[in-house]
Amino acid sequence: MDARSNGLAPMEPVYAAVDRDPTAADRKRTTLLQKTWAYFKEYCVNTSLHGLKYVGEDQCPLAQRTQYLGYASLICDGNKMVGANTTDEDAIEFLLKAAPKLAQTLLNCSWHSEDNCSCLFDTVLTDEGICFTFNSIAYDDFFTDKAHQNNTLRHSRVNHVRGWSLDEGYTGRASEAVYPRRTLSAGAAAGLTIVTSTDDQNIDANCRWPVQGFKMLLHSPGDFPNMKTQFFRIPVDRDVVVSVQPRVMMTSEALHSYSPDGRRCYFSSERSLYFFRYYSEENCMTECLANFTVQRCGCAAYYMPRKKNVPICGGARMRCIKIGEDDFYGSEGNLAACHCLPGCMEIKYTAEISHSQILWHKYFEQKPEKAAQFENKTHGKTVIYFKNSHFIPSHRSELYGFTTFMANCGGLLGLFLGFSVLSLIEFIYFLTARALCYFS
């Protein structure tokens, strides 16, 4: 960090003279330690390293400062992990406190007639840390009573499901108030528009790969977000357009008589999950990974669903979590043991992304008074909308049932042999009663 850029005077060199008085030497040593500590606190306040600004807080015990560093290591990639083997709910509270706030991340939001970002977006805990989600459902509607929930996060998502189900979709009329929110038309005018902001001080190359921008994930409201494997990037200083095309798979009710392995899917009434109220392949895999992690490491990652008596893994166990996750997805036996088939009714989204550069210098030439607001920050604009007003779903059904098979056989026999039901009765008669009379 360049001290001069923050108006700080360069440090004066310290010269130590020979002093035979031990009391004076102790006073000088104490003064030097005080200056060093004051300088370190100033660094903590101005640094971009996550969590260090809380380490330098006044009236903060040494043990708590060390604990803050352990909390920060939960979201950092790397082999040098600090902290204890397990931690508690204070770690999640620290991540919520240390993360950039919604008002700092989203400067402007627009959805139909609503433009309040705090009303449109909620806070959610993911494998990438604290994220903001649109159209998420309340924790009580998403998790079962057996899943332990953080109180702060639980109260951050308060929008309960109204007029919607995972199997049947929206059941009410278009004019009724429903949740999750829906749009009735396609195009950018009916989509979601956000203006993002990134503070340069929040970019930490030591914690993550030094890539600027945001990770974005499109998923069904009933799915647990998995940011590490299913995302696309939104660059900064770009005007980004995301055109979304849904892919819906539906299953005929006639397939209820088939086994799940035969039809290769689960109806929502056939399998219940321990932590989630909605069954999906993603939720099933998340729950199975959480159980595998608890068995392997003796604790659950901070973002995983867990029981109340299961501790949260501390910084010292993050390597165990990463190795366990690699072993879980790399073993065909582990995946087969979970038996996580797709849902018979599922929605996926395909995104087409285009972007163009924002010429901020041209903007500042016209409005120089706005330049101060953009200093040391990068901004971007993203528009997300459905590409088409209608789409054609895929339908899973039986190709040949028993009735269809009999009808086809009867039709072919009738066409080529003149065969009918009367011919069948006649055949049985000659084969039984008439034959007995003839040969007796």
Protein backbone atom coordinates (compact mmCIF):
# COMPACT_ATOMS: atom_id res chain seq x y z
CA MET A 1 0.00 0.00 0.00
CA ASP A 2 1.35 3.41 -0.91
CA ALA A 3 1.18 5.45 2.29
CA ARG A 4 1.33 8.74 0.44
CA SER A 5 -1.85 8.02 -1.45
CA ASN A 6 -3.73 8.08 1.85
CA GLY A 7 -2.10 11.26 3.11
CA LEU A 8 0.24 9.46 5.50
CA ALA A 9 3.68 10.82 6.26
CA PRO A 10 6.59 8.45 5.67
CA MET A 11 7.97 6.82 8.79
CA GLU A 12 10.90 8.58 10.40
CA PRO A 13 13.98 6.40 10.93
CA VAL A 14 14.50 5.46 14.57
CA TYR A 15 18.00 6.00 16.00
CA ALA A 16 18.88 4.30 19.25
CA ALA A 17 21.49 5.95 21.42
CA VAL A 18 23.48 4.11 24.04
CA ASP A 19 21.69 4.51 27.35
CA ARG A 20 22.94 2.83 30.45
CA ASP A 21 19.70 3.53 32.34
CA PRO A 22 17.54 0.34 32.07
CA THR A 23 14.41 2.30 32.93
CA ALA A 24 14.91 4.64 29.99
CA ALA A 25 15.55 1.66 27.69
CA ASP A 26 12.32 0.07 28.77
CA ARG A 27 10.45 3.28 28.10
CA LYS A 28 11.89 3.50 24.59
CA ARG A 29 11.06 -0.15 23.94
CA THR A 30 7.49 0.42 25.10
CA THR A 31 7.15 3.50 22.92
CA LEU A 32 8.42 1.60 19.89
CA LEU A 33 5.92 -1.24 20.48
CA GLN A 34 3.09 1.27 20.83
CA LYS A 35 4.04 2.96 17.57
CA THR A 36 4.31 -0.41 15.82
CA TRP A 37 0.89 -1.48 17.10
CA ALA A 38 -0.68 1.84 16.09
CA TYR A 39 0.83 1.51 12.62
CA PHE A 40 -0.45 -2.08 12.33
CA LYS A 41 -3.97 -0.98 13.33
CA GLU A 42 -3.85 1.71 10.65
CA TYR A 43 -2.89 -0.95 8.12
CA CYS A 44 -5.77 -3.16 9.25
CA VAL A 45 -8.26 -0.33 8.77
CA ASN A 46 -7.07 0.48 5.24
CA THR A 47 -6.15 -2.98 3.92
CA SER A 48 -8.30 -4.86 1.41
CA LEU A 49 -7.54 -8.23 3.05
CA HIS A 50 -10.77 -9.76 4.30
CA GLY A 51 -11.18 -9.75 8.05
CA LEU A 52 -8.03 -7.79 8.96
CA LYS A 53 -9.95 -4.57 9.57
CA TYR A 54 -11.68 -6.32 12.45
CA VAL A 55 -8.35 -7.60 13.84
CA GLY A 56 -7.18 -4.05 14.48
CA GLU A 57 -10.31 -2.93 16.29
CA ASP A 58 -9.81 -1.23 19.64
CA GLN A 59 -10.97 -3.10 22.75
CA CYS A 60 -10.69 -6.39 20.87
CA PRO A 61 -8.97 -9.22 22.82
CA LEU A 62 -6.03 -11.01 21.24
CA ALA A 63 -7.91 -14.32 21.19
CA GLN A 64 -10.78 -12.71 19.29
CA ARG A 65 -8.41 -11.16 16.75
CA THR A 66 -6.91 -14.59 16.08
CA GLN A 67 -10.41 -16.00 15.79
CA TYR A 68 -11.32 -13.38 13.15
CA LEU A 69 -8.41 -14.55 11.01
CA GLY A 70 -9.70 -18.11 11.29
CA TYR A 71 -13.16 -16.98 10.18
CA ALA A 72 -11.70 -15.19 7.15
CA SER A 73 -9.84 -18.36 6.07
CA LEU A 74 -13.19 -20.14 5.58
CA ILE A 75 -13.73 -18.44 2.22
CA CYS A 76 -10.14 -18.30 0.98
CA ASP A 77 -8.55 -20.77 -1.40
CA GLY A 78 -5.11 -21.98 -0.50
CA ASN A 79 -3.15 -24.51 1.48
CA LYS A 80 -2.32 -22.26 4.46
CA MET A 81 -5.40 -22.52 6.63
CA VAL A 82 -5.57 -20.98 10.09
CA GLY A 83 -8.01 -21.43 12.90
CA ALA A 84 -9.44 -24.27 14.93
CA ASN A 85 -10.84 -27.57 13.69
CA THR A 86 -14.40 -26.48 14.42
CA THR A 87 -16.18 -23.18 14.94
CA ASP A 88 -19.66 -21.92 15.78
CA GLU A 89 -22.38 -19.56 14.55
CA ASP A 90 -20.12 -16.58 15.22
CA ALA A 91 -18.20 -17.49 12.05
CA ILE A 92 -21.32 -16.96 9.91
CA GLU A 93 -22.09 -13.72 11.73
CA PHE A 94 -18.55 -12.55 10.99
CA LEU A 95 -18.90 -13.37 7.28
CA LEU A 96 -22.17 -11.41 7.18
CA LYS A 97 -20.48 -8.47 8.87
CA ALA A 98 -17.31 -8.52 6.77
CA ALA A 99 -18.99 -9.02 3.37
CA PRO A 100 -19.79 -6.01 1.15
CA LYS A 101 -23.30 -4.78 1.82
CA LEU A 102 -26.13 -4.98 -0.70
CA ALA A 103 -26.25 -1.20 -1.14
CA GLN A 104 -22.52 -1.18 -1.94
CA THR A 105 -22.78 -4.04 -4.44
CA LEU A 106 -26.00 -3.17 -6.28
CA LEU A 107 -26.37 0.54 -6.91
CA ASN A 108 -29.58 0.29 -8.88
CA CYS A 109 -32.20 -2.40 -9.55
CA SER A 110 -35.28 -2.46 -11.73
CA TRP A 111 -37.98 -5.13 -12.04
CA HIS A 112 -41.27 -4.03 -13.57
CA SER A 113 -42.37 -1.16 -11.31
CA GLU A 114 -40.09 -2.08 -8.38
CA ASP A 115 -36.72 -0.35 -8.06
CA ASN A 116 -35.77 -1.02 -4.42
CA CYS A 117 -32.84 -3.44 -4.33
CA SER A 118 -33.45 -4.40 -0.71
CA CYS A 119 -36.98 -5.52 -1.62
CA LEU A 120 -35.88 -7.48 -4.69
CA PHE A 121 -32.76 -9.20 -3.35
CA ASP A 122 -32.09 -11.33 -0.27
CA THR A 123 -28.89 -12.54 1.37
CA VAL A 124 -27.91 -16.17 0.93
CA LEU A 125 -24.95 -18.25 2.14
CA THR A 126 -23.18 -20.24 -0.60
CA ASP A 127 -19.92 -22.09 -1.13
CA GLU A 128 -18.46 -18.79 -2.38
CA GLY A 129 -19.42 -16.88 0.76
CA ILE A 130 -22.18 -14.28 1.09
CA CYS A 131 -24.20 -13.74 -2.09
CA PHE A 132 -27.38 -11.90 -3.05
CA THR A 133 -30.29 -13.73 -4.63
CA PHE A 134 -33.36 -12.68 -6.59
CA ASN A 135 -36.66 -14.55 -6.33
CA SER A 136 -35.53 -16.81 -3.50
CA ILE A 137 -38.11 -18.36 -1.20
CA ALA A 138 -38.19 -18.14 2.60
CA TYR A 139 -35.93 -20.46 4.59
CA ASP A 140 -38.93 -22.08 6.27
CA ASP A 141 -40.36 -22.94 2.85
CA PHE A 142 -37.03 -24.19 1.54
CA PHE A 143 -35.53 -26.17 4.45
CA THR A 144 -37.22 -28.73 6.67
CA ASP A 145 -37.50 -28.36 10.43
CA LYS A 146 -34.60 -30.83 10.83
CA ALA A 147 -32.12 -28.48 9.16
CA HIS A 148 -30.39 -26.06 11.51
CA GLN A 149 -30.71 -22.46 10.30
CA ASN A 150 -28.75 -19.37 11.19
CA ASN A 151 -31.13 -16.84 12.72
CA THR A 152 -29.77 -13.86 10.80
CA LEU A 153 -30.00 -15.63 7.45
CA ARG A 154 -33.38 -17.06 8.34
CA HIS A 155 -34.85 -13.60 8.82
CA SER A 156 -33.17 -12.27 5.66
CA ARG A 157 -35.46 -14.35 3.41
CA VAL A 158 -39.07 -13.71 4.34
CA ASN A 159 -40.93 -14.13 1.04
CA HIS A 160 -43.15 -17.18 1.37
CA VAL A 161 -44.44 -19.22 -1.57
CA ARG A 162 -47.81 -18.08 -2.92
CA GLY A 163 -49.64 -19.67 -5.85
CA TRP A 164 -46.68 -21.77 -7.01
CA SER A 165 -45.54 -25.36 -6.71
CA LEU A 166 -42.55 -27.20 -8.14
CA ASP A 167 -44.66 -29.80 -9.97
CA GLU A 168 -47.52 -27.67 -11.28
CA GLY A 169 -45.91 -24.24 -11.56
CA TYR A 170 -48.17 -21.23 -11.11
CA THR A 171 -51.69 -22.25 -10.22
CA GLY A 172 -53.37 -18.84 -9.97
CA ARG A 173 -54.43 -16.31 -12.55
CA ALA A 174 -51.98 -13.88 -14.10
CA SER A 175 -53.48 -10.93 -12.17
CA GLU A 176 -53.02 -12.59 -8.76
CA ALA A 177 -50.08 -11.82 -6.48
CA VAL A 178 -47.80 -14.84 -6.56
CA TYR A 179 -44.33 -15.68 -5.35
CA PRO A 180 -41.76 -16.44 -6.76
CA ARG A 181 -42.23 -13.45 -9.03
CA ARG A 182 -43.06 -14.11 -12.66
CA THR A 183 -43.05 -12.17 -15.87
CA LEU A 184 -45.69 -12.56 -18.55
CA SER A 185 -43.69 -11.38 -21.54
CA ALA A 186 -40.25 -11.61 -23.08
CA GLY A 187 -37.68 -8.96 -23.87
CA ALA A 188 -35.43 -6.59 -21.95
CA ALA A 189 -38.29 -4.29 -20.94
CA ALA A 190 -39.86 -7.13 -18.91
CA GLY A 191 -36.58 -8.34 -17.42
CA LEU A 192 -34.37 -7.58 -14.43
CA THR A 193 -31.85 -4.75 -14.65
CA ILE A 194 -29.05 -4.25 -12.11
CA VAL A 195 -26.10 -1.87 -11.84
CA THR A 196 -23.18 -3.48 -10.01
CA SER A 197 -20.29 -1.83 -8.19
CA THR A 198 -16.94 -3.21 -7.05
CA ASP A 199 -14.60 -1.42 -4.68
CA ASP A 200 -10.99 -1.93 -5.74
CA GLN A 201 -10.03 -2.44 -2.09
CA ASN A 202 -12.28 -5.51 -1.89
CA ILE A 203 -10.29 -7.36 -4.57
CA ASP A 204 -7.90 -9.65 -2.72
CA ALA A 205 -5.49 -11.61 -4.92
CA ASN A 206 -4.19 -13.53 -1.90
CA CYS A 207 -7.62 -14.96 -1.15
CA ARG A 208 -8.96 -15.63 -4.64
CA TRP A 209 -7.69 -15.70 -8.17
CA PRO A 210 -7.31 -12.02 -9.18
CA VAL A 211 -10.29 -11.92 -11.53
CA GLN A 212 -12.61 -8.94 -11.44
CA GLY A 213 -16.32 -9.34 -11.85
CA PHE A 214 -19.21 -11.32 -10.44
CA LYS A 215 -20.34 -14.92 -10.55
CA MET A 216 -23.97 -15.41 -11.53
CA LEU A 217 -26.09 -18.54 -11.31
CA LEU A 218 -29.53 -19.22 -12.81
CA HIS A 219 -31.48 -21.92 -11.02
CA SER A 220 -34.96 -22.96 -9.99
CA PRO A 221 -36.27 -21.40 -6.74
CA GLY A 222 -36.41 -24.90 -5.25
CA ASP A 223 -32.71 -25.69 -5.89
CA PHE A 224 -29.79 -25.08 -3.54
CA PRO A 225 -27.27 -22.74 -5.24
CA ASN A 226 -23.94 -24.35 -6.09
CA MET A 227 -21.75 -21.45 -7.15
CA LYS A 228 -18.52 -23.37 -7.69
CA THR A 229 -19.74 -25.61 -10.49
CA GLN A 230 -22.73 -23.91 -12.14
CA PHE A 231 -22.11 -20.25 -12.89
CA PHE A 232 -21.13 -17.76 -15.54
CA ARG A 233 -19.10 -14.59 -15.11
CA ILE A 234 -20.32 -11.01 -15.34
CA PRO A 235 -17.33 -8.75 -16.16
CA VAL A 236 -16.91 -5.24 -14.82
CA ASP A 237 -17.00 -2.06 -16.90
CA ARG A 238 -19.31 -3.85 -19.32
CA ASP A 239 -22.93 -3.56 -20.38
CA VAL A 240 -24.01 -7.20 -20.19
CA VAL A 241 -27.14 -8.72 -21.74
CA VAL A 242 -28.23 -12.19 -20.57
CA SER A 243 -30.91 -13.85 -22.70
CA VAL A 244 -32.49 -16.80 -20.89
CA GLN A 245 -34.18 -19.82 -22.44
CA PRO A 246 -35.87 -22.29 -20.05
CA ARG A 247 -35.66 -26.04 -20.57
CA VAL A 248 -38.56 -27.87 -18.93
CA MET A 249 -38.84 -31.63 -18.56
CA MET A 250 -42.31 -33.02 -17.74
CA THR A 251 -43.31 -36.62 -17.07
CA SER A 252 -46.59 -38.36 -17.82
CA GLU A 253 -48.66 -39.45 -14.83
CA ALA A 254 -48.98 -42.87 -16.50
CA LEU A 255 -45.35 -43.54 -15.54
CA HIS A 256 -46.24 -43.70 -11.84
CA SER A 257 -46.60 -47.45 -12.24
CA TYR A 258 -42.96 -47.74 -13.36
CA SER A 259 -40.10 -47.88 -10.86
CA PRO A 260 -37.89 -44.77 -10.50
CA ASP A 261 -34.97 -46.69 -12.00
CA GLY A 262 -37.12 -47.69 -14.96
CA ARG A 263 -38.24 -44.16 -15.75
CA ARG A 264 -34.94 -42.60 -14.53
CA CYS A 265 -36.55 -39.92 -12.38
CA TYR A 266 -38.35 -39.29 -9.09
CA PHE A 267 -41.75 -37.76 -8.64
CA SER A 268 -41.76 -35.28 -5.78
CA SER A 269 -44.04 -37.54 -3.72
CA GLU A 270 -41.73 -40.56 -4.08
CA ARG A 271 -38.63 -39.35 -2.27
CA SER A 272 -38.24 -36.95 0.63
CA LEU A 273 -34.96 -35.32 1.62
CA TYR A 274 -33.83 -34.80 5.19
CA PHE A 275 -32.88 -31.12 4.88
CA PHE A 276 -34.88 -29.85 1.87
CA ARG A 277 -38.62 -29.59 1.30
CA TYR A 278 -38.23 -29.82 -2.50
CA TYR A 279 -36.65 -32.80 -4.18
CA SER A 280 -34.26 -32.15 -7.04
CA GLU A 281 -31.07 -33.75 -8.22
CA GLU A 282 -29.06 -30.74 -7.02
CA ASN A 283 -30.62 -30.79 -3.54
CA CYS A 284 -30.08 -34.53 -3.26
CA MET A 285 -26.40 -34.23 -4.20
CA THR A 286 -25.92 -31.31 -1.77
CA GLU A 287 -27.43 -33.32 1.08
CA CYS A 288 -25.39 -36.41 0.22
CA LEU A 289 -22.17 -34.34 0.06
CA ALA A 290 -22.98 -32.79 3.45
CA ASN A 291 -23.43 -36.24 5.01
CA PHE A 292 -20.21 -37.45 3.37
CA THR A 293 -18.31 -34.42 4.71
CA VAL A 294 -19.57 -34.97 8.26
CA GLN A 295 -18.53 -38.60 8.07
CA ARG A 296 -15.10 -37.77 6.64
CA CYS A 297 -14.18 -34.59 8.57
CA GLY A 298 -16.40 -34.75 11.65
CA CYS A 299 -18.01 -31.41 10.81
CA ALA A 300 -19.93 -29.64 8.05
CA ALA A 301 -18.78 -26.72 5.90
CA TYR A 302 -20.26 -23.38 6.89
CA TYR A 303 -22.50 -23.29 3.80
CA MET A 304 -23.78 -26.89 4.03
CA PRO A 305 -27.10 -27.89 5.58
CA ARG A 306 -26.55 -29.67 8.88
CA LYS A 307 -28.12 -30.90 12.06
CA LYS A 308 -28.05 -28.70 15.13
CA ASN A 309 -25.55 -30.92 16.96
CA VAL A 310 -23.10 -31.01 14.03
CA PRO A 311 -20.30 -28.42 14.38
CA ILE A 312 -19.13 -26.09 11.64
CA CYS A 313 -15.69 -26.84 10.22
CA GLY A 314 -13.04 -24.28 11.12
CA GLY A 315 -10.19 -23.02 9.02
CA ALA A 316 -7.98 -25.98 9.93
CA ARG A 317 -10.50 -28.41 8.38
CA MET A 318 -11.05 -26.61 5.07
CA ARG A 319 -8.43 -28.75 3.36
CA CYS A 320 -10.27 -31.87 4.57
CA ILE A 321 -13.48 -30.47 3.05
CA LYS A 322 -11.83 -29.81 -0.30
CA ILE A 323 -10.18 -33.23 -0.50
CA GLY A 324 -13.42 -34.88 0.58
CA GLU A 325 -15.38 -33.02 -2.09
CA ASP A 326 -12.91 -34.13 -4.77
CA ASP A 327 -13.14 -37.73 -3.56
CA PHE A 328 -16.93 -37.57 -3.46
CA TYR A 329 -17.40 -36.38 -7.04
CA GLY A 330 -14.48 -38.47 -8.29
CA SER A 331 -15.86 -41.80 -7.05
CA GLU A 332 -18.56 -43.54 -9.05
CA GLY A 333 -19.41 -45.63 -6.00
CA ASN A 334 -20.12 -42.57 -3.83
CA LEU A 335 -22.37 -41.04 -6.47
CA ALA A 336 -24.22 -44.31 -7.02
CA ALA A 337 -24.80 -44.70 -3.27
CA CYS A 338 -26.61 -41.34 -3.18
CA HIS A 339 -29.04 -42.53 -5.88
CA CYS A 340 -29.83 -38.94 -6.85
CA LEU A 341 -31.96 -39.27 -9.98
CA PRO A 342 -33.34 -36.17 -11.72
CA GLY A 343 -36.78 -34.92 -10.77
CA CYS A 344 -39.61 -35.97 -13.06
CA MET A 345 -40.52 -32.29 -13.26
CA GLU A 346 -37.48 -30.06 -13.53
CA ILE A 347 -36.52 -26.67 -14.95
CA LYS A 348 -33.10 -25.72 -16.27
CA TYR A 349 -31.97 -22.47 -17.84
CA THR A 350 -29.70 -21.79 -20.79
CA ALA A 351 -28.11 -18.35 -20.95
CA GLU A 352 -26.84 -16.50 -24.00
CA ILE A 353 -24.48 -13.71 -22.94
CA SER A 354 -23.29 -10.68 -24.89
CA HIS A 355 -21.55 -7.55 -23.65
CA SER A 356 -19.97 -4.32 -24.80
CA GLN A 357 -17.51 -1.97 -23.14
CA ILE A 358 -18.76 1.07 -21.26
CA LEU A 359 -16.81 4.19 -22.26
CA TRP A 360 -16.69 5.91 -18.90
CA HIS A 361 -14.31 8.62 -20.07
CA LYS A 362 -16.91 9.78 -22.58
CA TYR A 363 -19.50 9.82 -19.83
CA PHE A 364 -17.25 11.86 -17.53
CA GLU A 365 -16.56 14.36 -20.28
CA GLN A 366 -20.26 15.15 -20.33
CA LYS A 367 -20.77 14.89 -16.55
CA PRO A 368 -17.49 15.62 -14.76
CA GLU A 369 -19.26 15.99 -11.40
CA LYS A 370 -19.92 12.22 -11.46
CA ALA A 371 -16.24 11.30 -11.67
CA ALA A 372 -15.71 11.44 -7.90
CA GLN A 373 -18.37 8.77 -7.35
CA PHE A 374 -16.50 6.33 -9.61
CA GLU A 375 -13.05 6.85 -8.12
CA ASN A 376 -11.38 3.55 -7.09
CA LYS A 377 -14.50 1.67 -8.15
CA THR A 378 -15.63 -0.30 -11.17
CA HIS A 379 -19.22 -0.47 -12.33
CA GLY A 380 -21.25 -2.50 -14.74
CA LYS A 381 -24.80 -2.98 -15.95
CA THR A 382 -26.59 -6.31 -16.46
CA VAL A 383 -29.99 -6.97 -18.04
CA ILE A 384 -31.55 -10.45 -17.67
CA TYR A 385 -34.69 -11.42 -19.59
CA PHE A 386 -36.48 -14.32 -21.23
CA LYS A 387 -35.70 -14.72 -24.90
CA ASN A 388 -39.15 -15.93 -25.99
CA SER A 389 -42.65 -15.56 -24.58
CA HIS A 390 -43.39 -19.25 -25.18
CA PHE A 391 -41.34 -22.40 -25.09
CA ILE A 392 -41.91 -26.06 -25.91
CA PRO A 393 -41.34 -28.42 -22.95
CA SER A 394 -39.96 -31.93 -23.28
CA HIS A 395 -42.35 -34.69 -22.25
CA ARG A 396 -41.30 -38.04 -20.84
CA SER A 397 -43.88 -40.81 -21.46
CA GLU A 398 -44.04 -44.52 -22.22
CA LEU A 399 -43.42 -45.42 -25.83
CA TYR A 400 -45.49 -48.64 -25.81
CA GLY A 401 -47.83 -49.53 -22.98
CA PHE A 402 -49.83 -52.74 -22.71
CA THR A 403 -52.95 -51.18 -24.25
CA THR A 404 -50.96 -49.69 -27.11
CA PHE A 405 -49.22 -53.00 -27.73
CA MET A 406 -52.52 -54.92 -27.87
CA ALA A 407 -54.09 -52.33 -30.15
CA ASN A 408 -51.14 -52.49 -32.56
CA CYS A 409 -51.15 -56.29 -32.61
CA GLY A 410 -54.93 -56.40 -33.16
CA GLY A 411 -54.73 -53.83 -35.89
CA LEU A 412 -52.01 -55.70 -37.78
CA LEU A 413 -53.77 -59.07 -37.47
CA GLY A 414 -57.07 -57.56 -38.55
CA LEU A 415 -55.45 -55.81 -41.49
CA PHE A 416 -53.58 -58.82 -42.90
CA LEU A 417 -55.67 -61.82 -41.69
CA GLY A 418 -59.11 -60.42 -41.02
CA PHE A 419 -58.63 -61.38 -37.39
CA SER A 420 -61.15 -60.13 -34.80
CA VAL A 421 -62.39 -60.94 -31.30
CA LEU A 422 -65.00 -63.26 -32.83
CA SER A 423 -62.17 -65.10 -34.61
CA LEU A 424 -60.41 -65.51 -31.26
CA ILE A 425 -63.55 -67.03 -29.66
CA GLU A 426 -63.93 -69.31 -32.63
CA PHE A 427 -60.33 -70.43 -32.33
CA ILE A 428 -60.71 -71.22 -28.62
CA TYR A 429 -63.95 -73.13 -29.30
CA PHE A 430 -62.34 -75.38 -31.91
CA LEU A 431 -59.31 -75.86 -29.70
CA THR A 432 -61.29 -77.00 -26.61
CA ALA A 433 -64.98 -78.02 -26.69
CA ARG A 434 -65.18 -78.96 -30.36
CA ALA A 435 -61.92 -80.92 -30.16
CA LEU A 436 -63.16 -82.93 -27.17
CA CYS A 437 -66.39 -83.83 -28.93
CA TYR A 438 -64.59 -84.75 -32.15
CA PHE A 439 -61.98 -87.08 -30.57
CA SER A 440 -64.22 -88.69 -27.97
